Amino acid sequence: MQFSDYSTQAISTDLYDKEGQPIDSHAMLEKVFGLVGEAGEVAEKFKKILRDKDGMATDEDKKELMKELGDVLWYVNSVGIYLGYSLEDIAQANLDKVLSRKDRGVTKGSGDNR
């Protein structure tokens, strides 16, 4: 599957008009809060695997994590579209950033603009 195929089909399930949403619109805020919530669900599943299973994830645990990561992807796609970016744009910008950090030897450390 290509990013563009996923993106087009996934955004078709959104309930709001995607064009011209202000940053503080109900639609945009719902997407951002959804993204944070889904990322929290990923973290919660990892926590339970660490706590209850000594960090040993079963195949079922991994499938459940994949589902939650898919939900994160849906929200990343939606927020990106609302901001006027495609998943390709987001992926390329991120790849450029992390490869630049690698090339400059600043992969470790903190700060957005290292």
N, C-alpha and C. Protein backbone atom coordinates (compact mmCIF):
# COMPACT_ATOMS: atom_id res chain seq x y z
N MET A 1 0.84 -1.19 0.00
CA MET A 1 0.00 0.00 0.00
C MET A 1 0.89 1.24 0.00
N GLN A 2 0.50 2.21 -0.75
CA GLN A 2 1.18 3.49 -0.81
C GLN A 2 0.57 4.46 0.21
N PHE A 3 1.38 5.39 0.70
CA PHE A 3 0.86 6.41 1.62
C PHE A 3 -0.36 7.11 1.03
N SER A 4 -0.28 7.48 -0.24
CA SER A 4 -1.39 8.23 -0.85
C SER A 4 -2.68 7.41 -0.88
N ASP A 5 -2.58 6.11 -1.12
CA ASP A 5 -3.77 5.26 -1.11
C ASP A 5 -4.38 5.21 0.28
N TYR A 6 -3.54 4.98 1.27
CA TYR A 6 -4.01 4.96 2.64
C TYR A 6 -4.67 6.29 2.99
N SER A 7 -3.97 7.37 2.69
CA SER A 7 -4.42 8.70 3.08
C SER A 7 -5.81 9.02 2.53
N THR A 8 -5.99 8.77 1.26
CA THR A 8 -7.27 9.07 0.61
C THR A 8 -8.40 8.26 1.21
N GLN A 9 -8.16 6.98 1.42
CA GLN A 9 -9.21 6.13 1.98
C GLN A 9 -9.47 6.46 3.44
N ALA A 10 -8.42 6.70 4.20
CA ALA A 10 -8.59 6.98 5.63
C ALA A 10 -9.33 8.29 5.86
N ILE A 11 -8.98 9.33 5.13
CA ILE A 11 -9.62 10.63 5.37
C ILE A 11 -11.09 10.60 4.94
N SER A 12 -11.45 9.66 4.09
CA SER A 12 -12.86 9.56 3.68
C SER A 12 -13.75 9.16 4.86
N THR A 13 -13.15 8.65 5.94
CA THR A 13 -13.93 8.28 7.12
C THR A 13 -14.07 9.43 8.12
N ASP A 14 -13.43 10.55 7.83
CA ASP A 14 -13.52 11.72 8.72
C ASP A 14 -14.90 12.33 8.60
N LEU A 15 -15.41 12.83 9.71
CA LEU A 15 -16.76 13.38 9.75
C LEU A 15 -16.84 14.85 9.39
N TYR A 16 -15.70 15.53 9.27
CA TYR A 16 -15.70 16.98 9.10
C TYR A 16 -15.22 17.37 7.72
N ASP A 17 -15.52 18.62 7.35
CA ASP A 17 -14.99 19.22 6.13
C ASP A 17 -13.51 19.46 6.34
N LYS A 18 -12.69 18.96 5.43
CA LYS A 18 -11.24 19.04 5.61
C LYS A 18 -10.64 20.35 5.11
N GLU A 19 -11.37 21.09 4.36
CA GLU A 19 -10.82 22.30 3.73
C GLU A 19 -10.99 23.52 4.62
N GLY A 20 -9.90 24.22 4.83
CA GLY A 20 -9.95 25.52 5.48
C GLY A 20 -10.32 25.50 6.96
N GLN A 21 -10.02 24.43 7.66
CA GLN A 21 -10.31 24.39 9.09
C GLN A 21 -9.29 25.25 9.83
N PRO A 22 -9.75 26.22 10.63
CA PRO A 22 -8.78 26.98 11.43
C PRO A 22 -8.13 26.08 12.48
N ILE A 23 -6.97 26.47 12.93
CA ILE A 23 -6.19 25.67 13.86
C ILE A 23 -6.95 25.40 15.16
N ASP A 24 -7.86 26.29 15.53
CA ASP A 24 -8.60 26.11 16.78
C ASP A 24 -10.03 25.61 16.54
N SER A 25 -10.29 25.08 15.36
CA SER A 25 -11.63 24.57 15.07
C SER A 25 -11.91 23.31 15.88
N HIS A 26 -13.18 23.04 16.06
CA HIS A 26 -13.59 21.81 16.75
C HIS A 26 -13.01 20.60 16.03
N ALA A 27 -13.06 20.60 14.72
CA ALA A 27 -12.57 19.47 13.93
C ALA A 27 -11.07 19.24 14.15
N MET A 28 -10.29 20.32 14.11
CA MET A 28 -8.85 20.19 14.29
C MET A 28 -8.51 19.74 15.71
N LEU A 29 -9.13 20.35 16.69
CA LEU A 29 -8.85 19.99 18.09
C LEU A 29 -9.23 18.54 18.36
N GLU A 30 -10.33 18.10 17.78
CA GLU A 30 -10.72 16.70 17.95
C GLU A 30 -9.65 15.77 17.41
N LYS A 31 -9.04 16.14 16.30
CA LYS A 31 -7.97 15.31 15.72
C LYS A 31 -6.72 15.32 16.60
N VAL A 32 -6.34 16.47 17.09
CA VAL A 32 -5.14 16.56 17.93
C VAL A 32 -5.35 15.80 19.24
N PHE A 33 -6.50 15.96 19.86
CA PHE A 33 -6.77 15.22 21.10
C PHE A 33 -6.86 13.72 20.82
N GLY A 34 -7.40 13.35 19.68
CA GLY A 34 -7.44 11.95 19.30
C GLY A 34 -6.05 11.37 19.14
N LEU A 35 -5.15 12.14 18.52
CA LEU A 35 -3.77 11.70 18.34
C LEU A 35 -3.10 11.47 19.69
N VAL A 36 -3.26 12.41 20.58
CA VAL A 36 -2.67 12.28 21.91
C VAL A 36 -3.27 11.07 22.65
N GLY A 37 -4.57 10.90 22.54
CA GLY A 37 -5.23 9.78 23.20
C GLY A 37 -4.75 8.44 22.67
N GLU A 38 -4.64 8.33 21.36
CA GLU A 38 -4.19 7.06 20.78
C GLU A 38 -2.73 6.78 21.13
N ALA A 39 -1.89 7.81 21.12
CA ALA A 39 -0.49 7.62 21.53
C ALA A 39 -0.44 7.15 22.98
N GLY A 40 -1.33 7.68 23.81
CA GLY A 40 -1.42 7.24 25.19
C GLY A 40 -1.84 5.78 25.30
N GLU A 41 -2.72 5.34 24.40
CA GLU A 41 -3.13 3.93 24.41
C GLU A 41 -1.95 3.02 24.04
N VAL A 42 -1.11 3.46 23.11
CA VAL A 42 0.09 2.69 22.77
C VAL A 42 0.97 2.57 24.01
N ALA A 43 1.20 3.68 24.68
CA ALA A 43 2.04 3.68 25.87
C ALA A 43 1.43 2.80 26.96
N GLU A 44 0.14 2.86 27.14
CA GLU A 44 -0.54 2.06 28.16
C GLU A 44 -0.38 0.57 27.89
N LYS A 45 -0.49 0.16 26.64
CA LYS A 45 -0.32 -1.26 26.30
C LYS A 45 1.12 -1.70 26.58
N PHE A 46 2.09 -0.86 26.24
CA PHE A 46 3.48 -1.18 26.55
C PHE A 46 3.69 -1.30 28.06
N LYS A 47 3.10 -0.37 28.80
CA LYS A 47 3.24 -0.40 30.27
C LYS A 47 2.74 -1.71 30.83
N LYS A 48 1.58 -2.15 30.35
CA LYS A 48 1.00 -3.39 30.87
C LYS A 48 1.84 -4.60 30.50
N ILE A 49 2.45 -4.58 29.32
CA ILE A 49 3.34 -5.68 28.93
C ILE A 49 4.57 -5.69 29.84
N LEU A 50 5.11 -4.52 30.14
CA LEU A 50 6.25 -4.44 31.05
C LEU A 50 5.88 -4.89 32.46
N ARG A 51 4.75 -4.39 32.94
CA ARG A 51 4.33 -4.67 34.31
C ARG A 51 3.87 -6.11 34.49
N ASP A 52 3.02 -6.58 33.58
CA ASP A 52 2.35 -7.86 33.79
C ASP A 52 3.06 -9.05 33.14
N LYS A 53 3.92 -8.77 32.17
CA LYS A 53 4.52 -9.87 31.41
C LYS A 53 6.04 -9.77 31.34
N ASP A 54 6.62 -8.99 32.25
CA ASP A 54 8.07 -8.79 32.29
C ASP A 54 8.64 -8.38 30.93
N GLY A 55 7.86 -7.63 30.17
CA GLY A 55 8.32 -7.11 28.89
C GLY A 55 8.24 -8.08 27.73
N MET A 56 7.65 -9.22 27.94
CA MET A 56 7.57 -10.24 26.89
C MET A 56 6.21 -10.14 26.19
N ALA A 57 6.20 -9.52 25.02
CA ALA A 57 4.96 -9.33 24.27
C ALA A 57 4.62 -10.59 23.48
N THR A 58 3.37 -11.01 23.61
CA THR A 58 2.88 -12.14 22.82
C THR A 58 2.54 -11.66 21.42
N ASP A 59 2.27 -12.60 20.53
CA ASP A 59 1.83 -12.24 19.18
C ASP A 59 0.53 -11.43 19.26
N GLU A 60 -0.35 -11.79 20.18
CA GLU A 60 -1.61 -11.04 20.34
C GLU A 60 -1.33 -9.62 20.84
N ASP A 61 -0.40 -9.48 21.78
CA ASP A 61 -0.01 -8.14 22.25
C ASP A 61 0.48 -7.29 21.09
N LYS A 62 1.31 -7.88 20.24
CA LYS A 62 1.86 -7.15 19.10
C LYS A 62 0.77 -6.75 18.12
N LYS A 63 -0.21 -7.62 17.93
CA LYS A 63 -1.34 -7.28 17.04
C LYS A 63 -2.14 -6.12 17.61
N GLU A 64 -2.35 -6.13 18.93
CA GLU A 64 -3.07 -5.03 19.57
C GLU A 64 -2.29 -3.72 19.46
N LEU A 65 -0.97 -3.80 19.63
CA LEU A 65 -0.14 -2.60 19.46
C LEU A 65 -0.22 -2.09 18.02
N MET A 66 -0.21 -3.00 17.06
CA MET A 66 -0.32 -2.59 15.66
C MET A 66 -1.64 -1.85 15.42
N LYS A 67 -2.72 -2.32 16.01
CA LYS A 67 -4.02 -1.65 15.85
C LYS A 67 -3.95 -0.22 16.39
N GLU A 68 -3.35 -0.08 17.57
CA GLU A 68 -3.24 1.26 18.16
C GLU A 68 -2.34 2.16 17.33
N LEU A 69 -1.25 1.61 16.81
CA LEU A 69 -0.37 2.40 15.93
C LEU A 69 -1.12 2.82 14.68
N GLY A 70 -2.00 1.97 14.19
CA GLY A 70 -2.83 2.34 13.06
C GLY A 70 -3.74 3.52 13.38
N ASP A 71 -4.28 3.53 14.59
CA ASP A 71 -5.10 4.67 15.02
C ASP A 71 -4.27 5.94 15.09
N VAL A 72 -3.03 5.83 15.58
CA VAL A 72 -2.13 6.99 15.59
C VAL A 72 -1.91 7.48 14.16
N LEU A 73 -1.68 6.55 13.25
CA LEU A 73 -1.47 6.91 11.84
C LEU A 73 -2.68 7.63 11.27
N TRP A 74 -3.88 7.16 11.60
CA TRP A 74 -5.10 7.81 11.11
C TRP A 74 -5.13 9.28 11.55
N TYR A 75 -4.81 9.52 12.80
CA TYR A 75 -4.83 10.89 13.31
C TYR A 75 -3.70 11.73 12.74
N VAL A 76 -2.50 11.16 12.58
CA VAL A 76 -1.40 11.89 11.95
C VAL A 76 -1.80 12.30 10.54
N ASN A 77 -2.37 11.37 9.80
CA ASN A 77 -2.84 11.67 8.45
C ASN A 77 -3.87 12.80 8.46
N SER A 78 -4.82 12.72 9.36
CA SER A 78 -5.89 13.71 9.41
C SER A 78 -5.37 15.10 9.78
N VAL A 79 -4.56 15.16 10.82
CA VAL A 79 -3.99 16.46 11.21
C VAL A 79 -3.16 17.02 10.06
N GLY A 80 -2.37 16.19 9.43
CA GLY A 80 -1.58 16.64 8.29
C GLY A 80 -2.45 17.22 7.18
N ILE A 81 -3.50 16.52 6.83
CA ILE A 81 -4.41 17.01 5.78
C ILE A 81 -5.03 18.33 6.19
N TYR A 82 -5.46 18.44 7.42
CA TYR A 82 -6.05 19.69 7.90
C TYR A 82 -5.05 20.85 7.80
N LEU A 83 -3.76 20.53 7.97
CA LEU A 83 -2.72 21.56 7.87
C LEU A 83 -2.24 21.78 6.43
N GLY A 84 -2.71 20.94 5.52
CA GLY A 84 -2.34 21.09 4.12
C GLY A 84 -1.16 20.23 3.68
N TYR A 85 -0.83 19.19 4.47
CA TYR A 85 0.29 18.32 4.15
C TYR A 85 -0.19 16.89 3.91
N SER A 86 0.49 16.21 3.02
CA SER A 86 0.21 14.80 2.78
C SER A 86 1.09 13.95 3.71
N LEU A 87 0.76 12.67 3.80
CA LEU A 87 1.62 11.77 4.56
C LEU A 87 3.01 11.71 3.93
N GLU A 88 3.07 11.81 2.59
CA GLU A 88 4.37 11.84 1.92
C GLU A 88 5.18 13.05 2.37
N ASP A 89 4.51 14.22 2.46
CA ASP A 89 5.19 15.43 2.93
C ASP A 89 5.75 15.23 4.34
N ILE A 90 4.91 14.67 5.21
CA ILE A 90 5.29 14.48 6.60
C ILE A 90 6.44 13.48 6.71
N ALA A 91 6.31 12.37 5.99
CA ALA A 91 7.34 11.34 6.02
C ALA A 91 8.66 11.88 5.48
N GLN A 92 8.62 12.62 4.37
CA GLN A 92 9.84 13.14 3.77
C GLN A 92 10.52 14.16 4.68
N ALA A 93 9.72 15.05 5.26
CA ALA A 93 10.29 16.06 6.17
C ALA A 93 10.94 15.38 7.38
N ASN A 94 10.29 14.35 7.91
CA ASN A 94 10.87 13.64 9.05
C ASN A 94 12.14 12.91 8.65
N LEU A 95 12.13 12.26 7.49
CA LEU A 95 13.32 11.55 7.03
C LEU A 95 14.48 12.52 6.81
N ASP A 96 14.19 13.66 6.19
CA ASP A 96 15.24 14.68 6.00
C ASP A 96 15.83 15.10 7.33
N LYS A 97 14.96 15.29 8.34
CA LYS A 97 15.42 15.73 9.66
C LYS A 97 16.30 14.68 10.32
N VAL A 98 15.83 13.43 10.36
CA VAL A 98 16.61 12.41 11.09
C VAL A 98 17.90 12.04 10.36
N LEU A 99 17.87 12.05 9.02
CA LEU A 99 19.11 11.77 8.28
C LEU A 99 20.11 12.90 8.43
N SER A 100 19.63 14.14 8.50
CA SER A 100 20.52 15.28 8.74
C SER A 100 21.18 15.15 10.12
N ARG A 101 20.39 14.78 11.11
CA ARG A 101 20.95 14.58 12.46
C ARG A 101 22.01 13.48 12.44
N LYS A 102 21.72 12.41 11.73
CA LYS A 102 22.68 11.31 11.63
C LYS A 102 23.96 11.80 10.96
N ASP A 103 23.83 12.49 9.83
CA ASP A 103 25.00 12.99 9.09
C ASP A 103 25.84 13.94 9.93
N ARG A 104 25.18 14.75 10.77
CA ARG A 104 25.89 15.73 11.59
C ARG A 104 26.32 15.17 12.94
N GLY A 105 25.98 13.90 13.20
CA GLY A 105 26.38 13.27 14.45
C GLY A 105 25.64 13.78 15.67
N VAL A 106 24.39 14.23 15.48
CA VAL A 106 23.61 14.74 16.60
C VAL A 106 22.32 13.94 16.81
N THR A 107 22.40 12.64 16.52
CA THR A 107 21.22 11.79 16.72
C THR A 107 20.87 11.71 18.19
N LYS A 108 21.88 11.62 19.04
CA LYS A 108 21.65 11.63 20.49
C LYS A 108 21.51 13.07 20.94
N GLY A 109 20.89 13.23 22.07
CA GLY A 109 20.70 14.57 22.62
C GLY A 109 19.25 14.96 22.59
N SER A 110 18.99 16.22 22.82
CA SER A 110 17.62 16.70 22.83
C SER A 110 17.53 18.02 22.11
N GLY A 111 16.33 18.41 21.83
CA GLY A 111 16.08 19.67 21.13
C GLY A 111 15.59 19.40 19.71
N ASP A 112 14.58 20.14 19.32
CA ASP A 112 14.00 19.95 17.99
C ASP A 112 14.94 20.33 16.88
N ASN A 113 15.76 21.33 17.09
CA ASN A 113 16.59 21.87 16.00
C ASN A 113 18.06 21.54 16.17
N ARG A 114 18.36 20.34 16.65
CA ARG A 114 19.77 19.98 16.81
C ARG A 114 20.34 19.48 15.49
